[in-house]
Amino acid sequence: MQQNQNFSHFNLQEMKDIRSLIVKLTEAVQPKLITGENENKEEYMQYNREKRLFAGKVVEFKLKHPELSSKEVDWDEFNLLFADNAFFKSTILCLQAILMKMDNTRLAYDNEIYRSALTDYENTYNNFESGKTRYEKKYNDLKEILSRIV
């Protein structure tokens, strides 16, 4: 098998550790998450760039001119929400970056696995062509699938 990539493989302990960390992460964030059954989900989905800009401007005024801020707003709660939101955003960006790199790596592995499978198919073909009957079923099955790919 020719390798164009320098693959670094996980051992079983590393896989177990990563899965354990994912479980711990899930358990840590679960109590803070709003479920998908929320009746305001449609409204939440409408939160866009302009609304973020508006809320950001309110924060800016609160910081620079606190005397102009409404007394009817629970600013302690507002600040907690703002901090949590920033944390969610930065964490999501980090996780998305990890997921994208993992998916790109998975695709590279898929390609290498496919290339190895083609090498095996070529070996099967050569054995079949040389009259080794044990390879007939394997060759025919693989040939049928491969004909749909290429």
Protein backbone atom coordinates (compact mmCIF):
# COMPACT_ATOMS: atom_id res chain seq x y z
CA MET A 1 0.00 0.00 0.00
CA GLN A 2 1.39 3.36 -0.99
CA GLN A 3 0.91 6.03 1.60
CA ASN A 4 0.73 9.67 0.66
CA GLN A 5 -0.32 10.67 4.17
CA ASN A 6 1.48 10.37 7.44
CA PHE A 7 -1.41 8.87 9.39
CA SER A 8 -1.28 8.91 13.15
CA HIS A 9 -3.59 6.29 14.60
CA PHE A 10 -5.49 6.24 17.88
CA ASN A 11 -4.87 3.44 20.30
CA LEU A 12 -7.79 1.98 22.24
CA GLN A 13 -6.97 3.97 25.38
CA GLU A 14 -6.92 7.25 23.45
CA MET A 15 -10.30 6.44 21.91
CA LYS A 16 -11.69 5.62 25.35
CA ASP A 17 -10.27 8.84 26.82
CA ILE A 18 -11.77 10.98 24.05
CA ARG A 19 -15.18 9.35 24.39
CA SER A 20 -14.98 9.89 28.15
CA LEU A 21 -14.17 13.57 27.63
CA ILE A 22 -17.14 13.92 25.28
CA VAL A 23 -19.40 12.35 27.91
CA LYS A 24 -18.01 14.73 30.55
CA LEU A 25 -18.50 17.71 28.23
CA THR A 26 -22.08 16.64 27.51
CA GLU A 27 -22.81 16.22 31.20
CA ALA A 28 -21.24 19.60 32.00
CA VAL A 29 -23.26 21.59 29.48
CA GLN A 30 -26.54 19.67 29.66
CA PRO A 31 -27.98 21.54 32.66
CA LYS A 32 -27.36 24.87 30.91
CA LEU A 33 -28.96 23.96 27.59
CA ILE A 34 -32.46 24.83 26.45
CA THR A 35 -34.28 21.89 24.93
CA GLY A 36 -35.44 21.87 21.32
CA GLU A 37 -39.07 21.69 22.45
CA ASN A 38 -39.01 25.34 23.49
CA GLU A 39 -42.08 27.18 22.16
CA ASN A 40 -39.92 30.24 21.41
CA LYS A 41 -37.54 28.39 19.11
CA GLU A 42 -38.89 30.13 15.98
CA GLU A 43 -38.33 33.50 17.64
CA TYR A 44 -34.81 32.50 18.67
CA MET A 45 -34.01 31.49 15.10
CA GLN A 46 -34.86 35.02 13.96
CA TYR A 47 -32.00 36.47 16.02
CA ASN A 48 -29.73 37.87 13.35
CA ARG A 49 -26.80 40.17 12.83
CA GLU A 50 -28.82 43.38 13.20
CA LYS A 51 -30.31 42.22 16.50
CA ARG A 52 -26.81 41.36 17.76
CA LEU A 53 -25.61 44.80 16.68
CA PHE A 54 -28.52 46.41 18.54
CA ALA A 55 -27.85 44.40 21.72
CA GLY A 56 -24.13 45.16 21.43
CA LYS A 57 -24.87 48.88 21.21
CA VAL A 58 -26.98 48.64 24.39
CA VAL A 59 -24.01 46.97 26.12
CA GLU A 60 -21.72 49.71 24.87
CA PHE A 61 -24.01 52.41 26.26
CA LYS A 62 -24.33 50.50 29.55
CA LEU A 63 -20.54 50.46 29.90
CA LYS A 64 -19.92 54.07 28.84
CA HIS A 65 -23.05 55.71 30.23
CA PRO A 66 -24.60 53.48 32.89
CA GLU A 67 -26.84 56.35 34.04
CA LEU A 68 -28.72 56.09 30.72
CA SER A 69 -29.59 52.42 31.24
CA SER A 70 -33.12 51.36 32.07
CA LYS A 71 -33.82 50.54 35.69
CA GLU A 72 -36.36 47.96 34.50
CA VAL A 73 -33.65 45.65 33.14
CA ASP A 74 -32.02 43.15 35.48
CA TRP A 75 -28.48 44.10 34.52
CA ASP A 76 -26.88 41.40 36.66
CA GLU A 77 -28.87 38.77 34.75
CA PHE A 78 -28.17 40.58 31.48
CA ASN A 79 -24.41 40.47 32.15
CA LEU A 80 -24.56 36.78 33.02
CA LEU A 81 -26.48 36.05 29.82
CA PHE A 82 -24.02 38.13 27.82
CA ALA A 83 -21.02 36.30 29.31
CA ASP A 84 -22.62 32.88 28.81
CA ASN A 85 -23.49 33.78 25.23
CA ALA A 86 -19.89 34.79 24.50
CA PHE A 87 -18.71 31.54 26.10
CA PHE A 88 -21.14 29.50 23.98
CA LYS A 89 -20.02 31.28 20.83
CA SER A 90 -16.29 30.81 21.43
CA THR A 91 -16.77 27.19 22.51
CA ILE A 92 -18.91 26.43 19.46
CA LEU A 93 -16.25 27.95 17.20
CA CYS A 94 -13.55 25.81 18.83
CA LEU A 95 -15.65 22.65 18.56
CA GLN A 96 -16.57 23.42 14.96
CA ALA A 97 -12.88 23.82 14.10
CA ILE A 98 -12.12 20.47 15.74
CA LEU A 99 -15.06 18.83 13.96
CA MET A 100 -13.99 20.24 10.59
CA LYS A 101 -10.42 18.98 11.06
CA MET A 102 -11.70 15.59 12.23
CA ASP A 103 -14.00 15.34 9.23
CA ASN A 104 -11.20 16.30 6.83
CA THR A 105 -9.00 13.65 8.43
CA ARG A 106 -11.82 11.10 8.22
CA LEU A 107 -12.18 11.88 4.50
CA ALA A 108 -8.44 11.37 4.00
CA TYR A 109 -8.76 8.02 5.80
CA ASP A 110 -11.75 7.12 3.61
CA ASN A 111 -9.65 7.84 0.54
CA GLU A 112 -6.73 5.76 1.80
CA ILE A 113 -9.06 2.89 2.68
CA TYR A 114 -10.58 3.06 -0.81
CA ARG A 115 -7.12 3.08 -2.42
CA SER A 116 -6.19 0.00 -0.39
CA ALA A 117 -9.44 -1.66 -1.42
CA LEU A 118 -8.58 -0.96 -5.07
CA THR A 119 -5.19 -2.59 -4.53
CA ASP A 120 -6.93 -5.62 -3.06
CA TYR A 121 -9.34 -5.67 -6.01
CA GLU A 122 -6.42 -5.57 -8.43
CA ASN A 123 -4.83 -8.52 -6.61
CA THR A 124 -8.18 -10.36 -6.71
CA TYR A 125 -8.48 -9.68 -10.44
CA ASN A 126 -4.96 -10.97 -11.10
CA ASN A 127 -5.63 -14.16 -9.14
CA PHE A 128 -8.99 -14.64 -10.88
CA GLU A 129 -7.43 -14.11 -14.32
CA SER A 130 -4.71 -16.62 -13.54
CA GLY A 131 -7.41 -19.24 -13.04
CA LYS A 132 -7.63 -19.38 -9.26
CA THR A 133 -11.31 -20.23 -8.87
CA ARG A 134 -11.49 -19.30 -5.19
CA TYR A 135 -11.34 -15.64 -6.28
CA GLU A 136 -14.30 -15.81 -8.70
CA LYS A 137 -17.10 -14.81 -6.29
CA LYS A 138 -15.01 -12.07 -4.65
CA TYR A 139 -14.01 -10.70 -8.05
CA ASN A 140 -17.58 -10.71 -9.39
CA ASP A 141 -19.02 -9.10 -6.25
CA LEU A 142 -16.37 -6.40 -6.16
CA LYS A 143 -16.58 -5.81 -9.91
CA GLU A 144 -20.32 -5.24 -9.66
CA ILE A 145 -19.94 -2.62 -6.94
CA LEU A 146 -16.93 -0.97 -8.61
CA SER A 147 -18.79 -0.67 -11.92
CA ARG A 148 -21.27 1.67 -10.17
CA ILE A 149 -18.45 3.83 -8.81
CA VAL A 150 -16.31 4.44 -11.86
